[in-house]
């Protein structure tokens, strides 16, 4: 059974990344990554997820977005 995922607000605070083009690219990649995931299970409401990701200084935006998506999915499955 596939469950609809709705995210009311996604706020990213990334040290060393501006809110300009780089920040927008990261936000877009995270949103696309979440949209591409097949979420299954029972419907539930999760009020808030806080994820702290430790990335290296040379981590590329695409890899950082995958790390963020993976952590959001890990935490959301844990709260089921």
PDB file of N, CA and C in Angstrom:
ATOM      1  N   UNK A   1       0.840  -1.180   0.000  1.00  0.00           N
ATOM      2  CA  UNK A   1       0.000   0.000   0.000  1.00  0.00           C
ATOM      3  C   UNK A   1       0.884   1.241   0.000  1.00  0.00           C
ATOM      4  N   UNK A   2       0.657   2.121  -0.922  1.00  0.00           N
ATOM      5  CA  UNK A   2       1.405   3.363  -0.990  1.00  0.00           C
ATOM      6  C   UNK A   2       0.670   4.446  -0.217  1.00  0.00           C
ATOM      7  N   UNK A   3       1.414   5.218   0.530  1.00  0.00           N
ATOM      8  CA  UNK A   3       0.858   6.275   1.360  1.00  0.00           C
ATOM      9  C   UNK A   3       1.279   7.619   0.779  1.00  0.00           C
ATOM     10  N   UNK A   4       0.376   8.577   0.764  1.00  0.00           N
ATOM     11  CA  UNK A   4       0.735   9.931   0.335  1.00  0.00           C
ATOM     12  C   UNK A   4       1.580  10.583   1.411  1.00  0.00           C
ATOM     13  N   UNK A   5       2.615  11.285   0.977  1.00  0.00           N
ATOM     14  CA  UNK A   5       3.445  12.036   1.909  1.00  0.00           C
ATOM     15  C   UNK A   5       3.213  13.513   1.622  1.00  0.00           C
ATOM     16  N   UNK A   6       2.887  14.258   2.647  1.00  0.00           N
ATOM     17  CA  UNK A   6       2.719  15.702   2.507  1.00  0.00           C
ATOM     18  C   UNK A   6       3.623  16.385   3.510  1.00  0.00           C
ATOM     19  N   UNK A   7       4.417  17.299   3.030  1.00  0.00           N
ATOM     20  CA  UNK A   7       5.315  18.059   3.888  1.00  0.00           C
ATOM     21  C   UNK A   7       4.858  19.505   3.834  1.00  0.00           C
ATOM     22  N   UNK A   8       4.436  20.005   4.978  1.00  0.00           N
ATOM     23  CA  UNK A   8       3.948  21.379   5.029  1.00  0.00           C
ATOM     24  C   UNK A   8       5.086  22.391   4.924  1.00  0.00           C
ATOM     25  N   UNK A   9       6.186  22.072   5.565  1.00  0.00           N
ATOM     26  CA  UNK A   9       7.310  23.007   5.524  1.00  0.00           C
ATOM     27  C   UNK A   9       8.607  22.227   5.675  1.00  0.00           C
ATOM     28  N   UNK A  10       9.563  22.578   4.858  1.00  0.00           N
ATOM     29  CA  UNK A  10      10.882  21.979   4.929  1.00  0.00           C
ATOM     30  C   UNK A  10      11.875  23.122   5.059  1.00  0.00           C
ATOM     31  N   UNK A  11      12.548  23.151   6.173  1.00  0.00           N
ATOM     32  CA  UNK A  11      13.518  24.222   6.412  1.00  0.00           C
ATOM     33  C   UNK A  11      14.891  23.599   6.546  1.00  0.00           C
ATOM     34  N   UNK A  12      15.817  24.091   5.746  1.00  0.00           N
ATOM     35  CA  UNK A  12      17.185  23.587   5.765  1.00  0.00           C
ATOM     36  C   UNK A  12      18.116  24.683   6.261  1.00  0.00           C
ATOM     37  N   UNK A  13      18.846  24.397   7.317  1.00  0.00           N
ATOM     38  CA  UNK A  13      19.895  25.292   7.801  1.00  0.00           C
ATOM     39  C   UNK A  13      21.211  24.575   7.567  1.00  0.00           C
ATOM     40  N   UNK A  14      21.958  25.038   6.587  1.00  0.00           N
ATOM     41  CA  UNK A  14      23.186  24.362   6.212  1.00  0.00           C
ATOM     42  C   UNK A  14      24.351  25.324   6.397  1.00  0.00           C
ATOM     43  N   UNK A  15      25.224  24.966   7.291  1.00  0.00           N
ATOM     44  CA  UNK A  15      26.394  25.788   7.555  1.00  0.00           C
ATOM     45  C   UNK A  15      27.249  25.900   6.295  1.00  0.00           C
ATOM     46  N   UNK A  16      27.601  27.107   5.943  1.00  0.00           N
ATOM     47  CA  UNK A  16      28.461  27.328   4.785  1.00  0.00           C
ATOM     48  C   UNK A  16      27.751  27.370   3.454  1.00  0.00           C
ATOM     49  N   UNK A  17      26.425  27.293   3.457  1.00  0.00           N
ATOM     50  CA  UNK A  17      25.674  27.312   2.201  1.00  0.00           C
ATOM     51  C   UNK A  17      24.732  28.502   2.213  1.00  0.00           C
ATOM     52  N   UNK A  18      24.803  29.308   1.179  1.00  0.00           N
ATOM     53  CA  UNK A  18      23.963  30.501   1.119  1.00  0.00           C
ATOM     54  C   UNK A  18      22.539  30.148   0.701  1.00  0.00           C
ATOM     55  N   UNK A  19      21.626  31.071   0.957  1.00  0.00           N
ATOM     56  CA  UNK A  19      20.226  30.867   0.558  1.00  0.00           C
ATOM     57  C   UNK A  19      20.034  31.140  -0.927  1.00  0.00           C
ATOM     58  N   UNK A  20      21.079  31.521  -1.612  1.00  0.00           N
ATOM     59  CA  UNK A  20      21.001  31.818  -3.040  1.00  0.00           C
ATOM     60  C   UNK A  20      20.910  30.559  -3.878  1.00  0.00           C
ATOM     61  N   UNK A  21      21.553  30.556  -5.021  1.00  0.00           N
ATOM     62  CA  UNK A  21      21.436  29.433  -5.958  1.00  0.00           C
ATOM     63  C   UNK A  21      21.827  28.075  -5.363  1.00  0.00           C
ATOM     64  N   UNK A  22      22.876  28.024  -4.549  1.00  0.00           N
ATOM     65  CA  UNK A  22      23.294  26.744  -3.960  1.00  0.00           C
ATOM     66  C   UNK A  22      22.244  26.213  -2.996  1.00  0.00           C
ATOM     67  N   UNK A  23      21.699  27.085  -2.167  1.00  0.00           N
ATOM     68  CA  UNK A  23      20.662  26.676  -1.228  1.00  0.00           C
ATOM     69  C   UNK A  23      19.391  26.246  -1.940  1.00  0.00           C
ATOM     70  N   UNK A  24      19.029  26.976  -2.971  1.00  0.00           N
ATOM     71  CA  UNK A  24      17.836  26.620  -3.749  1.00  0.00           C
ATOM     72  C   UNK A  24      18.027  25.276  -4.448  1.00  0.00           C
ATOM     73  N   UNK A  25      19.219  25.035  -4.956  1.00  0.00           N
ATOM     74  CA  UNK A  25      19.502  23.752  -5.619  1.00  0.00           C
ATOM     75  C   UNK A  25      19.387  22.609  -4.619  1.00  0.00           C
ATOM     76  N   UNK A  26      19.937  22.784  -3.423  1.00  0.00           N
ATOM     77  CA  UNK A  26      19.849  21.745  -2.405  1.00  0.00           C
ATOM     78  C   UNK A  26      18.392  21.484  -2.029  1.00  0.00           C
ATOM     79  N   UNK A  27      17.628  22.545  -1.802  1.00  0.00           N
ATOM     80  CA  UNK A  27      16.214  22.389  -1.445  1.00  0.00           C
ATOM     81  C   UNK A  27      15.450  21.660  -2.545  1.00  0.00           C
ATOM     82  N   UNK A  28      15.733  21.999  -3.787  1.00  0.00           N
ATOM     83  CA  UNK A  28      15.072  21.343  -4.917  1.00  0.00           C
ATOM     84  C   UNK A  28      15.439  19.863  -4.976  1.00  0.00           C
ATOM     85  N   UNK A  29      16.711  19.551  -4.795  1.00  0.00           N
ATOM     86  CA  UNK A  29      17.145  18.154  -4.833  1.00  0.00           C
ATOM     87  C   UNK A  29      16.527  17.338  -3.697  1.00  0.00           C
ATOM     88  N   UNK A  30      16.429  17.932  -2.513  1.00  0.00           N
ATOM     89  CA  UNK A  30      15.801  17.228  -1.385  1.00  0.00           C
ATOM     90  C   UNK A  30      14.327  16.987  -1.682  1.00  0.00           C
ATOM     91  N   UNK A  31      13.635  17.997  -2.175  1.00  0.00           N
ATOM     92  CA  UNK A  31      12.210  17.846  -2.503  1.00  0.00           C
ATOM     93  C   UNK A  31      12.018  16.786  -3.584  1.00  0.00           C
ATOM     94  N   UNK A  32      12.847  16.786  -4.608  1.00  0.00           N
ATOM     95  CA  UNK A  32      12.751  15.786  -5.668  1.00  0.00           C
ATOM     96  C   UNK A  32      13.058  14.393  -5.132  1.00  0.00           C
ATOM     97  N   UNK A  33      14.031  14.302  -4.252  1.00  0.00           N
ATOM     98  CA  UNK A  33      14.372  13.013  -3.652  1.00  0.00           C
ATOM     99  C   UNK A  33      13.230  12.455  -2.829  1.00  0.00           C
ATOM    100  N   UNK A  34      12.576  13.305  -2.055  1.00  0.00           N
ATOM    101  CA  UNK A  34      11.429  12.858  -1.258  1.00  0.00           C
ATOM    102  C   UNK A  34      10.259  12.486  -2.157  1.00  0.00           C
ATOM    103  N   UNK A  35      10.057  13.248  -3.223  1.00  0.00           N
ATOM    104  CA  UNK A  35       8.944  12.972  -4.135  1.00  0.00           C
ATOM    105  C   UNK A  35       9.135  11.644  -4.863  1.00  0.00           C
ATOM    106  N   UNK A  36      10.370  11.222  -5.072  1.00  0.00           N
ATOM    107  CA  UNK A  36      10.652  10.004  -5.817  1.00  0.00           C
ATOM    108  C   UNK A  36      10.543   8.736  -4.966  1.00  0.00           C
ATOM    109  N   UNK A  37      10.435   8.913  -3.655  1.00  0.00           N
ATOM    110  CA  UNK A  37      10.417   7.760  -2.754  1.00  0.00           C
ATOM    111  C   UNK A  37       9.026   7.128  -2.714  1.00  0.00           C
ATOM    112  N   UNK A  38       9.007   5.811  -2.759  1.00  0.00           N
ATOM    113  CA  UNK A  38       7.752   5.076  -2.615  1.00  0.00           C
ATOM    114  C   UNK A  38       7.551   4.813  -1.125  1.00  0.00           C
ATOM    115  N   UNK A  39       6.683   5.580  -0.513  1.00  0.00           N
ATOM    116  CA  UNK A  39       6.423   5.460   0.920  1.00  0.00           C
ATOM    117  C   UNK A  39       5.295   4.464   1.116  1.00  0.00           C
ATOM    118  N   UNK A  40       5.552   3.476   1.947  1.00  0.00           N
ATOM    119  CA  UNK A  40       4.503   2.495   2.205  1.00  0.00           C
ATOM    120  C   UNK A  40       4.263   2.403   3.705  1.00  0.00           C
ATOM    121  N   UNK A  41       3.144   1.819   4.054  1.00  0.00           N
ATOM    122  CA  UNK A  41       2.794   1.669   5.463  1.00  0.00           C
ATOM    123  C   UNK A  41       1.498   2.377   5.774  1.00  0.00           C
ATOM    124  N   UNK A  42       1.224   2.486   7.050  1.00  0.00           N
ATOM    125  CA  UNK A  42      -0.009   3.133   7.484  1.00  0.00           C
ATOM    126  C   UNK A  42       0.156   4.648   7.481  1.00  0.00           C
ATOM    127  N   UNK A  43      -0.944   5.339   7.255  1.00  0.00           N
ATOM    128  CA  UNK A  43      -0.915   6.799   7.323  1.00  0.00           C
ATOM    129  C   UNK A  43      -0.657   7.225   8.759  1.00  0.00           C
ATOM    130  N   UNK A  44       0.108   8.278   8.916  1.00  0.00           N
ATOM    131  CA  UNK A  44       0.395   8.802  10.247  1.00  0.00           C
ATOM    132  C   UNK A  44       0.771  10.265  10.139  1.00  0.00           C
ATOM    133  N   UNK A  45       0.710  10.931  11.252  1.00  0.00           N
ATOM    134  CA  UNK A  45       1.060  12.347  11.309  1.00  0.00           C
ATOM    135  C   UNK A  45       2.331  12.485  12.141  1.00  0.00           C
ATOM    136  N   UNK A  46       3.322  13.100  11.562  1.00  0.00           N
ATOM    137  CA  UNK A  46       4.572  13.362  12.279  1.00  0.00           C
ATOM    138  C   UNK A  46       4.698  14.866  12.385  1.00  0.00           C
ATOM    139  N   UNK A  47       4.696  15.347  13.585  1.00  0.00           N
ATOM    140  CA  UNK A  47       4.716  16.792  13.821  1.00  0.00           C
ATOM    141  C   UNK A  47       6.027  17.431  13.361  1.00  0.00           C
ATOM    142  N   UNK A  48       7.154  16.787  13.697  1.00  0.00           N
ATOM    143  CA  UNK A  48       8.431  17.433  13.409  1.00  0.00           C
ATOM    144  C   UNK A  48       9.543  16.388  13.346  1.00  0.00           C
ATOM    145  N   UNK A  49      10.423  16.589  12.407  1.00  0.00           N
ATOM    146  CA  UNK A  49      11.643  15.790  12.319  1.00  0.00           C
ATOM    147  C   UNK A  49      12.805  16.768  12.263  1.00  0.00           C
ATOM    148  N   UNK A  50      13.782  16.549  13.120  1.00  0.00           N
ATOM    149  CA  UNK A  50      15.007  17.340  13.075  1.00  0.00           C
ATOM    150  C   UNK A  50      16.134  16.400  12.721  1.00  0.00           C
ATOM    151  N   UNK A  51      16.859  16.750  11.696  1.00  0.00           N
ATOM    152  CA  UNK A  51      17.958  15.896  11.255  1.00  0.00           C
ATOM    153  C   UNK A  51      19.249  16.700  11.266  1.00  0.00           C
ATOM    154  N   UNK A  52      20.252  16.120  11.834  1.00  0.00           N
ATOM    155  CA  UNK A  52      21.585  16.732  11.811  1.00  0.00           C
ATOM    156  C   UNK A  52      22.465  15.812  10.979  1.00  0.00           C
ATOM    157  N   UNK A  53      22.991  16.362   9.911  1.00  0.00           N
ATOM    158  CA  UNK A  53      23.800  15.591   8.978  1.00  0.00           C
ATOM    159  C   UNK A  53      25.246  16.069   9.084  1.00  0.00           C
ATOM    160  N   UNK A  54      26.160  15.149   9.251  1.00  0.00           N
ATOM    161  CA  UNK A  54      27.584  15.484   9.279  1.00  0.00           C
ATOM    162  C   UNK A  54      28.157  15.206   7.900  1.00  0.00           C
ATOM    163  N   UNK A  55      28.448  16.258   7.190  1.00  0.00           N
ATOM    164  CA  UNK A  55      29.006  16.127   5.840  1.00  0.00           C
ATOM    165  C   UNK A  55      30.381  16.768   5.824  1.00  0.00           C
ATOM    166  N   UNK A  56      31.225  16.230   5.016  1.00  0.00           N
ATOM    167  CA  UNK A  56      32.567  16.779   4.890  1.00  0.00           C
ATOM    168  C   UNK A  56      32.571  18.096   4.121  1.00  0.00           C
ATOM    169  N   UNK A  57      33.658  18.778   4.225  1.00  0.00           N
ATOM    170  CA  UNK A  57      33.806  20.084   3.571  1.00  0.00           C
ATOM    171  C   UNK A  57      33.652  19.984   2.053  1.00  0.00           C
ATOM    172  N   UNK A  58      33.986  18.845   1.484  1.00  0.00           N
ATOM    173  CA  UNK A  58      33.943  18.681   0.032  1.00  0.00           C
ATOM    174  C   UNK A  58      32.768  17.832  -0.435  1.00  0.00           C
ATOM    175  N   UNK A  59      31.769  17.655   0.420  1.00  0.00           N
ATOM    176  CA  UNK A  59      30.578  16.897   0.032  1.00  0.00           C
ATOM    177  C   UNK A  59      29.818  17.683  -1.026  1.00  0.00           C
ATOM    178  N   UNK A  60      29.496  17.039  -2.131  1.00  0.00           N
ATOM    179  CA  UNK A  60      28.784  17.721  -3.212  1.00  0.00           C
ATOM    180  C   UNK A  60      27.295  17.829  -2.856  1.00  0.00           C
ATOM    181  N   UNK A  61      26.638  18.786  -3.461  1.00  0.00           N
ATOM    182  CA  UNK A  61      25.234  19.072  -3.165  1.00  0.00           C
ATOM    183  C   UNK A  61      24.351  17.856  -3.378  1.00  0.00           C
ATOM    184  N   UNK A  62      24.580  17.097  -4.424  1.00  0.00           N
ATOM    185  CA  UNK A  62      23.755  15.921  -4.709  1.00  0.00           C
ATOM    186  C   UNK A  62      23.872  14.888  -3.592  1.00  0.00           C
ATOM    187  N   UNK A  63      25.091  14.657  -3.133  1.00  0.00           N
ATOM    188  CA  UNK A  63      25.302  13.689  -2.047  1.00  0.00           C
ATOM    189  C   UNK A  63      24.677  14.194  -0.747  1.00  0.00           C
ATOM    190  N   UNK A  64      24.813  15.465  -0.467  1.00  0.00           N
ATOM    191  CA  UNK A  64      24.202  16.047   0.731  1.00  0.00           C
ATOM    192  C   UNK A  64      22.691  15.895   0.684  1.00  0.00           C
ATOM    193  N   UNK A  65      22.093  16.113  -0.477  1.00  0.00           N
ATOM    194  CA  UNK A  65      20.639  15.964  -0.586  1.00  0.00           C
ATOM    195  C   UNK A  65      20.217  14.520  -0.325  1.00  0.00           C
ATOM    196  N   UNK A  66      20.988  13.561  -0.835  1.00  0.00           N
ATOM    197  CA  UNK A  66      20.674  12.139  -0.592  1.00  0.00           C
ATOM    198  C   UNK A  66      20.793  11.803   0.892  1.00  0.00           C
ATOM    199  N   UNK A  67      21.778  12.379   1.566  1.00  0.00           N
ATOM    200  CA  UNK A  67      21.954  12.148   3.002  1.00  0.00           C
ATOM    201  C   UNK A  67      20.767  12.705   3.787  1.00  0.00           C
ATOM    202  N   UNK A  68      20.300  13.879   3.398  1.00  0.00           N
ATOM    203  CA  UNK A  68      19.166  14.506   4.080  1.00  0.00           C
ATOM    204  C   UNK A  68      17.901  13.679   3.869  1.00  0.00           C
ATOM    205  N   UNK A  69      17.638  13.271   2.632  1.00  0.00           N
ATOM    206  CA  UNK A  69      16.452  12.457   2.328  1.00  0.00           C
ATOM    207  C   UNK A  69      16.509  11.152   3.113  1.00  0.00           C
ATOM    208  N   UNK A  70      17.661  10.494   3.138  1.00  0.00           N
ATOM    209  CA  UNK A  70      17.801   9.227   3.854  1.00  0.00           C
ATOM    210  C   UNK A  70      17.512   9.400   5.342  1.00  0.00           C
ATOM    211  N   UNK A  71      17.996  10.481   5.921  1.00  0.00           N
ATOM    212  CA  UNK A  71      17.763  10.715   7.357  1.00  0.00           C
ATOM    213  C   UNK A  71      16.295  11.013   7.634  1.00  0.00           C
ATOM    214  N   UNK A  72      15.653  11.783   6.778  1.00  0.00           N
ATOM    215  CA  UNK A  72      14.217  12.062   6.949  1.00  0.00           C
ATOM    216  C   UNK A  72      13.429  10.757   6.870  1.00  0.00           C
ATOM    217  N   UNK A  73      13.743   9.916   5.907  1.00  0.00           N
ATOM    218  CA  UNK A  73      13.042   8.642   5.766  1.00  0.00           C
ATOM    219  C   UNK A  73      13.321   7.711   6.936  1.00  0.00           C
ATOM    220  N   UNK A  74      14.546   7.702   7.407  1.00  0.00           N
ATOM    221  CA  UNK A  74      14.907   6.860   8.560  1.00  0.00           C
ATOM    222  C   UNK A  74      14.094   7.266   9.782  1.00  0.00           C
ATOM    223  N   UNK A  75      14.050   8.560  10.039  1.00  0.00           N
ATOM    224  CA  UNK A  75      13.317   9.030  11.216  1.00  0.00           C
ATOM    225  C   UNK A  75      11.818   8.841  11.054  1.00  0.00           C
ATOM    226  N   UNK A  76      11.290   9.051   9.863  1.00  0.00           N
ATOM    227  CA  UNK A  76       9.845   8.904   9.685  1.00  0.00           C
ATOM    228  C   UNK A  76       9.423   7.451   9.812  1.00  0.00           C
ATOM    229  N   UNK A  77      10.264   6.520   9.401  1.00  0.00           N
ATOM    230  CA  UNK A  77       9.910   5.110   9.552  1.00  0.00           C
ATOM    231  C   UNK A  77      10.032   4.671  11.005  1.00  0.00           C
ATOM    232  N   UNK A  78      10.891   5.296  11.742  1.00  0.00           N
ATOM    233  CA  UNK A  78      11.088   4.983  13.156  1.00  0.00           C
ATOM    234  C   UNK A  78       9.900   5.432  14.005  1.00  0.00           C
ATOM    235  N   UNK A  79       9.203   6.484  13.577  1.00  0.00           N
ATOM    236  CA  UNK A  79       8.083   7.009  14.350  1.00  0.00           C
ATOM    237  C   UNK A  79       6.781   6.283  14.038  1.00  0.00           C
ATOM    238  N   UNK A  80       6.849   5.310  13.140  1.00  0.00           N
ATOM    239  CA  UNK A  80       5.629   4.571  12.746  1.00  0.00           C
ATOM    240  C   UNK A  80       5.111   3.728  13.887  1.00  0.00           C
TER     241      UNK A  80
END
